[in-house]
């Protein structure tokens, strides 16, 4: 009976997070917990009531997991390596372009090569180090799974919801020219504007980005010029041209929104959506939460070979945002491994002979 209550409780928690606040990696963890309790509940129902339809469903899920998982996992490793090699070929051998290739090689080595050497690790200190490394690998793989789920969920917009403000984040200029990556963000913002704008409910689009050291004009102004060339009217555009990072993009955009709301005397609660590259949406939403700006996210398409490497960079960036928590977890794991090593040396090994 308790597992039914647990399943209902986790279901309500998941729905509450989806409705109230989706901008957290905790959402990924809760989703995994919900999937586990859902599968367990189906199994218990089958055992209790001998439901053939549930049995077929459970068998199908098991087959998908146990037969499909190796294929998915190997495909993931191959995607990391091939996209990494393609990115290096197209973009050069910069450290940031090596991430997907290095991760693919690391996972390949750890999963398919290291297990053959486990039995040869006999020294207690070496075993402790191996245990700490193993925990760290699985911990970060689990975090990446939570990150991937949370990122995907936050790319899904609520149907029939309208917006008053569209925030388009900058990504760098080439002189004063808008490159393809930034152009895709602007065009996504324009598409959303056309979808939600009406005379009765006007929408303002905010282009945000300051002037970099190698740029001739501020990104916000260049983006606005590009949008006007595409048919946007100046009266629907707000320009933010001081921000130098995502945090400032959203903080300064919030100031523009509040000023515009006051000027228009908008009585109702406004709704905003930020537009950036699909791999960058989740981390941007985390920053929007930090500046207390309620908004949804929309992702502009990115080439696959670039997207997967950039997604790994985003994952590292999200980990850095919560670095204190992860450092505490790893420190506790280190202390636990040290404790087990001491117990092994002083209380286990002396009695094995």
Protein backbone atom coordinates (compact mmCIF):
# COMPACT_ATOMS: atom_id res chain seq x y z
CA UNK A 1 0.00 0.00 0.00
CA UNK A 2 2.87 2.34 0.80
CA UNK A 3 4.28 2.14 -2.72
CA UNK A 4 0.95 3.36 -4.17
CA UNK A 5 1.12 6.37 -1.87
CA UNK A 6 4.76 6.95 -2.86
CA UNK A 7 3.89 6.83 -6.57
CA UNK A 8 1.01 9.30 -6.14
CA UNK A 9 3.19 11.60 -4.03
CA UNK A 10 6.05 11.59 -6.56
CA UNK A 11 3.56 12.14 -9.41
CA UNK A 12 2.09 15.21 -7.67
CA UNK A 13 5.62 16.48 -6.95
CA UNK A 14 6.60 16.11 -10.62
CA UNK A 15 3.44 17.88 -11.83
CA UNK A 16 3.93 20.67 -9.28
CA UNK A 17 7.50 21.25 -10.49
CA UNK A 18 6.39 21.27 -14.13
CA UNK A 19 3.74 23.89 -13.40
CA UNK A 20 5.39 26.02 -10.71
CA UNK A 21 9.15 25.89 -11.36
CA UNK A 22 10.83 23.81 -14.06
CA UNK A 23 14.13 25.67 -14.04
CA UNK A 24 16.12 23.26 -11.87
CA UNK A 25 18.20 20.09 -12.33
CA UNK A 26 16.18 18.62 -9.48
CA UNK A 27 13.43 18.15 -12.06
CA UNK A 28 15.54 15.51 -13.82
CA UNK A 29 16.06 13.63 -10.55
CA UNK A 30 12.34 13.74 -9.72
CA UNK A 31 11.50 12.49 -13.22
CA UNK A 32 13.86 9.52 -12.81
CA UNK A 33 12.35 8.82 -9.39
CA UNK A 34 8.85 8.99 -10.90
CA UNK A 35 9.82 6.57 -13.70
CA UNK A 36 11.22 4.12 -11.16
CA UNK A 37 8.13 4.25 -8.90
CA UNK A 38 5.86 3.99 -11.95
CA UNK A 39 7.64 0.84 -13.16
CA UNK A 40 7.57 -0.68 -9.66
CA UNK A 41 3.84 0.12 -9.28
CA UNK A 42 3.06 -1.57 -12.60
CA UNK A 43 4.99 -4.65 -11.50
CA UNK A 44 3.12 -4.87 -8.18
CA UNK A 45 -0.25 -4.38 -9.88
CA UNK A 46 0.51 -7.23 -12.25
CA UNK A 47 1.58 -9.51 -9.41
CA UNK A 48 -1.53 -8.60 -7.39
CA UNK A 49 -4.25 -8.70 -10.04
CA UNK A 50 -2.57 -10.82 -12.76
CA UNK A 51 -3.25 -8.21 -15.42
CA UNK A 52 -2.05 -9.51 -18.78
CA UNK A 53 -2.01 -6.07 -20.41
CA UNK A 54 0.30 -4.76 -17.69
CA UNK A 55 2.49 -7.81 -18.12
CA UNK A 56 2.87 -7.06 -21.84
CA UNK A 57 3.67 -3.40 -21.04
CA UNK A 58 6.28 -4.36 -18.46
CA UNK A 59 7.91 -6.88 -20.80
CA UNK A 60 8.01 -4.24 -23.56
CA UNK A 61 9.66 -1.71 -21.24
CA UNK A 62 12.20 -4.30 -20.07
CA UNK A 63 13.01 -5.27 -23.66
CA UNK A 64 13.46 -1.62 -24.63
CA UNK A 65 15.75 -1.03 -21.66
CA UNK A 66 17.84 -4.20 -21.82
CA UNK A 67 18.01 -4.64 -25.57
CA UNK A 68 17.91 -0.98 -26.58
CA UNK A 69 20.19 0.46 -23.88
CA UNK A 70 23.45 -1.04 -25.20
CA UNK A 71 22.59 0.26 -28.67
CA UNK A 72 21.77 3.72 -27.31
CA UNK A 73 24.86 3.75 -25.12
CA UNK A 74 27.22 2.73 -27.92
CA UNK A 75 25.52 5.21 -30.25
CA UNK A 76 26.06 7.93 -27.64
CA UNK A 77 29.79 7.14 -27.44
CA UNK A 78 30.11 7.07 -31.24
CA UNK A 79 28.18 10.36 -31.49
CA UNK A 80 30.56 11.97 -28.97
CA UNK A 81 33.65 10.81 -30.85
CA UNK A 82 32.47 11.45 -34.42
CA UNK A 83 30.92 14.86 -33.64
CA UNK A 84 34.09 15.80 -31.75
CA UNK A 85 36.29 14.88 -34.71
CA UNK A 86 34.00 16.77 -37.10
CA UNK A 87 33.99 19.85 -34.86
CA UNK A 88 37.81 19.85 -34.64
CA UNK A 89 38.02 19.54 -38.42
CA UNK A 90 35.64 22.47 -38.98
CA UNK A 91 36.42 24.74 -36.00
CA UNK A 92 40.05 23.93 -35.11
CA UNK A 93 41.90 22.24 -32.23
CA UNK A 94 40.81 24.56 -29.44
CA UNK A 95 40.35 23.12 -25.94
CA UNK A 96 36.62 23.90 -25.93
CA UNK A 97 36.25 21.92 -29.18
CA UNK A 98 37.84 18.82 -27.66
CA UNK A 99 35.23 18.24 -24.96
CA UNK A 100 32.94 15.77 -26.74
CA UNK A 101 35.89 13.80 -28.18
CA UNK A 102 37.62 13.57 -24.78
CA UNK A 103 34.38 12.58 -23.03
CA UNK A 104 33.69 9.90 -25.64
CA UNK A 105 37.19 8.42 -25.25
CA UNK A 106 36.96 8.59 -21.43
CA UNK A 107 33.61 6.76 -21.34
CA UNK A 108 34.88 4.20 -23.87
CA UNK A 109 38.00 3.47 -21.80
CA UNK A 110 36.20 3.39 -18.46
CA UNK A 111 33.35 1.12 -19.57
CA UNK A 112 35.10 -1.29 -21.95
CA UNK A 113 38.76 -1.36 -20.85
CA UNK A 114 39.03 -0.57 -17.11
CA UNK A 115 36.77 -3.53 -16.02
CA UNK A 116 39.45 -5.98 -17.28
CA UNK A 117 41.95 -4.52 -14.79
CA UNK A 118 39.70 -4.40 -11.71
CA UNK A 119 40.77 -7.84 -10.42
CA UNK A 120 44.42 -6.78 -10.57
CA UNK A 121 43.87 -3.88 -8.17
CA UNK A 122 44.70 -5.52 -4.83
CA UNK A 123 46.41 -2.82 -2.77
CA UNK A 124 43.86 -1.24 -0.37
CA UNK A 125 44.96 2.32 -1.16
CA UNK A 126 44.70 1.65 -4.91
CA UNK A 127 41.26 0.12 -4.32
CA UNK A 128 40.19 3.23 -2.41
CA UNK A 129 41.40 5.50 -5.23
CA UNK A 130 39.65 3.32 -7.80
CA UNK A 131 36.44 3.42 -5.73
CA UNK A 132 36.57 7.23 -5.50
CA UNK A 133 37.15 7.58 -9.25
CA UNK A 134 34.33 5.11 -9.99
CA UNK A 135 31.93 7.01 -7.75
CA UNK A 136 32.91 10.32 -9.36
CA UNK A 137 32.35 8.94 -12.86
CA UNK A 138 28.91 7.50 -12.04
CA UNK A 139 27.96 10.61 -10.07
CA UNK A 140 28.68 12.91 -13.00
CA UNK A 141 27.02 10.51 -15.46
CA UNK A 142 23.90 10.61 -13.27
CA UNK A 143 24.10 14.41 -13.11
CA UNK A 144 24.40 14.54 -16.89
CA UNK A 145 21.27 12.39 -17.16
CA UNK A 146 19.39 14.77 -14.83
CA UNK A 147 20.75 17.73 -16.81
CA UNK A 148 19.66 16.20 -20.14
CA UNK A 149 16.13 15.51 -18.89
CA UNK A 150 15.77 18.98 -17.35
CA UNK A 151 17.15 20.60 -20.51
CA UNK A 152 14.71 18.72 -22.75
CA UNK A 153 11.71 19.50 -20.53
CA UNK A 154 12.59 23.20 -20.45
CA UNK A 155 12.67 23.26 -24.25
CA UNK A 156 8.99 22.26 -24.28
CA UNK A 157 6.72 25.29 -24.12
CA UNK A 158 3.27 25.29 -22.53
CA UNK A 159 0.62 25.11 -25.30
CA UNK A 160 -1.65 28.11 -25.87
CA UNK A 161 0.49 30.36 -23.64
CA UNK A 162 1.07 33.85 -25.03
CA UNK A 163 3.97 36.21 -24.34
CA UNK A 164 4.41 39.95 -23.92
CA UNK A 165 8.21 40.04 -24.19
CA UNK A 166 10.70 38.03 -26.23
CA UNK A 167 14.32 38.24 -25.07
CA UNK A 168 16.92 37.25 -27.68
CA UNK A 169 20.40 36.62 -26.25
CA UNK A 170 23.53 37.63 -28.16
CA UNK A 171 26.36 35.21 -28.98
CA UNK A 172 29.07 37.37 -30.58
CA UNK A 173 29.58 39.29 -33.80
CA UNK A 174 32.21 39.13 -36.53
CA UNK A 175 33.13 42.81 -36.66
CA UNK A 176 29.62 44.18 -37.07
CA UNK A 177 28.26 41.23 -39.00
CA UNK A 178 25.75 38.79 -37.51
CA UNK A 179 27.14 35.21 -37.85
CA UNK A 180 24.89 32.18 -38.58
CA UNK A 181 24.59 31.07 -34.93
CA UNK A 182 23.32 34.48 -33.84
CA UNK A 183 21.15 34.83 -36.95
CA UNK A 184 19.32 31.62 -36.03
CA UNK A 185 18.49 33.09 -32.61
CA UNK A 186 17.19 36.34 -34.13
CA UNK A 187 15.06 34.50 -36.69
CA UNK A 188 13.62 32.30 -33.94
CA UNK A 189 12.73 35.46 -32.00
CA UNK A 190 11.09 36.99 -35.07
CA UNK A 191 9.06 33.79 -35.63
CA UNK A 192 7.82 33.91 -32.03
CA UNK A 193 7.00 37.61 -32.42
CA UNK A 194 4.87 36.92 -35.48
CA UNK A 195 3.09 34.11 -33.65
CA UNK A 196 2.21 36.04 -30.47
CA UNK A 197 1.97 39.69 -31.56
CA UNK A 198 -1.39 41.33 -32.23
CA UNK A 199 -2.78 44.87 -32.14
CA UNK A 200 -4.81 44.06 -29.03
CA UNK A 201 -1.90 42.37 -27.32
CA UNK A 202 1.37 43.87 -28.60
CA UNK A 203 4.67 42.12 -28.05
CA UNK A 204 8.09 43.73 -27.54
CA UNK A 205 11.24 41.92 -28.62
CA UNK A 206 14.45 42.65 -26.70
CA UNK A 207 17.85 42.19 -28.34
CA UNK A 208 20.53 42.02 -25.67
CA UNK A 209 24.30 42.10 -25.87
CA UNK A 210 27.10 44.59 -25.31
CA UNK A 211 30.13 45.45 -27.42
CA UNK A 212 33.02 43.00 -27.25
CA UNK A 213 36.68 43.92 -27.67
CA UNK A 214 36.76 42.62 -31.26
CA UNK A 215 33.32 43.94 -32.23
CA UNK A 216 32.60 47.21 -34.03
CA UNK A 217 29.16 47.78 -32.50
CA UNK A 218 27.14 46.40 -29.60
CA UNK A 219 25.47 43.05 -30.26
CA UNK A 220 22.05 44.39 -29.27
CA UNK A 221 22.22 47.09 -31.97
CA UNK A 222 23.55 44.71 -34.64
CA UNK A 223 20.78 42.22 -33.83
CA UNK A 224 18.14 44.94 -34.05
CA UNK A 225 19.52 46.08 -37.42
CA UNK A 226 19.38 42.49 -38.68
CA UNK A 227 15.77 42.11 -37.49
CA UNK A 228 14.74 45.40 -39.16
CA UNK A 229 16.29 44.16 -42.42
CA UNK A 230 14.07 41.09 -42.03
CA UNK A 231 10.95 43.26 -41.76
CA UNK A 232 10.66 44.02 -38.03
CA UNK A 233 9.44 47.50 -37.08
CA UNK A 234 11.56 49.64 -34.76
CA UNK A 235 8.58 50.40 -32.49
CA UNK A 236 8.40 46.74 -31.45
CA UNK A 237 12.11 46.52 -30.57
CA UNK A 238 13.95 47.22 -27.32
CA UNK A 239 17.76 47.27 -27.35
CA UNK A 240 20.00 46.32 -24.42
CA UNK A 241 23.63 47.11 -25.33
CA UNK A 242 25.60 46.91 -22.07
CA UNK A 243 25.58 43.24 -21.01
CA UNK A 244 28.78 41.20 -21.21
CA UNK A 245 27.45 37.81 -20.06
CA UNK A 246 24.20 35.85 -19.74
CA UNK A 247 23.59 37.03 -16.19
CA UNK A 248 23.74 40.67 -17.26
CA UNK A 249 21.72 39.93 -20.43
CA UNK A 250 18.82 38.83 -18.25
CA UNK A 251 19.29 41.32 -15.43
CA UNK A 252 19.37 44.33 -17.78
CA UNK A 253 16.55 42.92 -19.92
CA UNK A 254 14.44 42.61 -16.79
CA UNK A 255 15.04 46.33 -16.13
CA UNK A 256 13.88 47.17 -19.67
CA UNK A 257 10.79 45.00 -19.23
CA UNK A 258 9.83 46.63 -15.94
CA UNK A 259 10.29 50.09 -17.48
CA UNK A 260 8.15 49.19 -20.49
CA UNK A 261 5.45 47.65 -18.28
CA UNK A 262 5.32 50.88 -16.29
CA UNK A 263 5.17 53.05 -19.44
CA UNK A 264 2.39 50.96 -20.95
CA UNK A 265 0.62 50.78 -17.58
CA UNK A 266 0.26 47.04 -18.02
CA UNK A 267 -2.00 45.92 -15.18
CA UNK A 268 -1.87 42.16 -15.70
CA UNK A 269 1.09 39.91 -15.04
CA UNK A 270 3.42 39.87 -18.05
CA UNK A 271 4.86 36.73 -19.63
CA UNK A 272 8.35 36.57 -21.11
CA UNK A 273 10.27 34.02 -23.14
CA UNK A 274 14.00 33.99 -23.80
CA UNK A 275 15.47 32.82 -27.08
CA UNK A 276 18.93 31.37 -27.41
CA UNK A 277 20.58 28.35 -29.05
CA UNK A 278 18.89 25.08 -28.03
CA UNK A 279 21.94 23.87 -26.09
CA UNK A 280 22.06 27.14 -24.10
CA UNK A 281 18.39 27.38 -23.05
CA UNK A 282 18.54 25.54 -19.72
CA UNK A 283 21.55 27.37 -18.28
CA UNK A 284 20.06 30.68 -19.41
CA UNK A 285 16.85 29.80 -17.58
CA UNK A 286 18.86 29.06 -14.44
CA UNK A 287 20.34 32.56 -14.68
CA UNK A 288 16.87 34.03 -15.24
CA UNK A 289 15.80 32.38 -12.01
CA UNK A 290 18.75 33.96 -10.21
CA UNK A 291 17.73 37.45 -11.36
CA UNK A 292 14.11 36.68 -10.43
CA UNK A 293 12.82 36.96 -13.99
CA UNK A 294 9.94 34.57 -14.64
CA UNK A 295 10.20 33.30 -18.20
CA UNK A 296 10.11 30.27 -20.48
CA UNK A 297 12.75 29.22 -22.97
CA UNK A 298 12.86 28.66 -26.73
CA UNK A 299 15.77 27.10 -28.58
CA UNK A 300 17.12 28.00 -32.00
CA UNK A 301 18.42 25.06 -34.01
CA UNK A 302 22.14 24.29 -34.04
CA UNK A 303 24.17 21.91 -36.21
CA UNK A 304 24.45 18.53 -34.49
CA UNK A 305 28.26 18.33 -34.47
CA UNK A 306 28.40 21.72 -32.74
CA UNK A 307 25.36 21.13 -30.50
CA UNK A 308 26.63 18.03 -28.69
CA UNK A 309 30.00 19.62 -27.82
CA UNK A 310 28.30 22.85 -26.74
CA UNK A 311 25.84 20.88 -24.60
CA UNK A 312 28.76 19.38 -22.68
CA UNK A 313 30.15 22.89 -22.11
CA UNK A 314 26.72 23.94 -20.83
CA UNK A 315 26.68 20.95 -18.47
CA UNK A 316 30.08 21.99 -17.09
CA UNK A 317 28.77 25.54 -16.74
CA UNK A 318 25.72 24.35 -14.77
CA UNK A 319 27.97 22.26 -12.51
CA UNK A 320 30.09 25.34 -11.89
CA UNK A 321 27.00 27.33 -10.90
CA UNK A 322 26.40 24.76 -8.12
CA UNK A 323 30.08 23.96 -7.50
CA UNK A 324 29.89 24.22 -3.70
CA UNK A 325 27.27 21.48 -3.47
CA UNK A 326 29.20 19.13 -5.79
CA UNK A 327 32.46 19.80 -3.95
CA UNK A 328 30.77 18.81 -0.68
CA UNK A 329 29.46 15.58 -2.26
CA UNK A 330 32.91 14.67 -3.61
CA UNK A 331 34.55 15.58 -0.29
CA UNK A 332 32.14 13.27 1.56
CA UNK A 333 32.89 10.53 -0.98
CA UNK A 334 36.64 11.05 -0.39
CA UNK A 335 36.22 10.81 3.39
CA UNK A 336 34.09 7.67 2.99
CA UNK A 337 36.75 6.03 0.76
CA UNK A 338 39.48 6.94 3.27
CA UNK A 339 37.41 5.41 6.07
CA UNK A 340 36.83 2.21 4.08
CA UNK A 341 40.56 2.01 3.23
CA UNK A 342 41.50 2.34 6.94
CA UNK A 343 38.97 -0.34 7.88
CA UNK A 344 40.30 -2.57 5.10
CA UNK A 345 43.94 -2.18 6.19
CA UNK A 346 43.44 -2.54 9.95
CA UNK A 347 40.37 -4.76 10.34
CA UNK A 348 39.95 -6.84 7.17
CA UNK A 349 43.33 -7.72 5.65
CA UNK A 350 44.95 -8.87 8.97
CA UNK A 351 42.30 -11.63 9.26
CA UNK A 352 42.42 -12.88 5.68
CA UNK A 353 45.51 -15.02 6.28
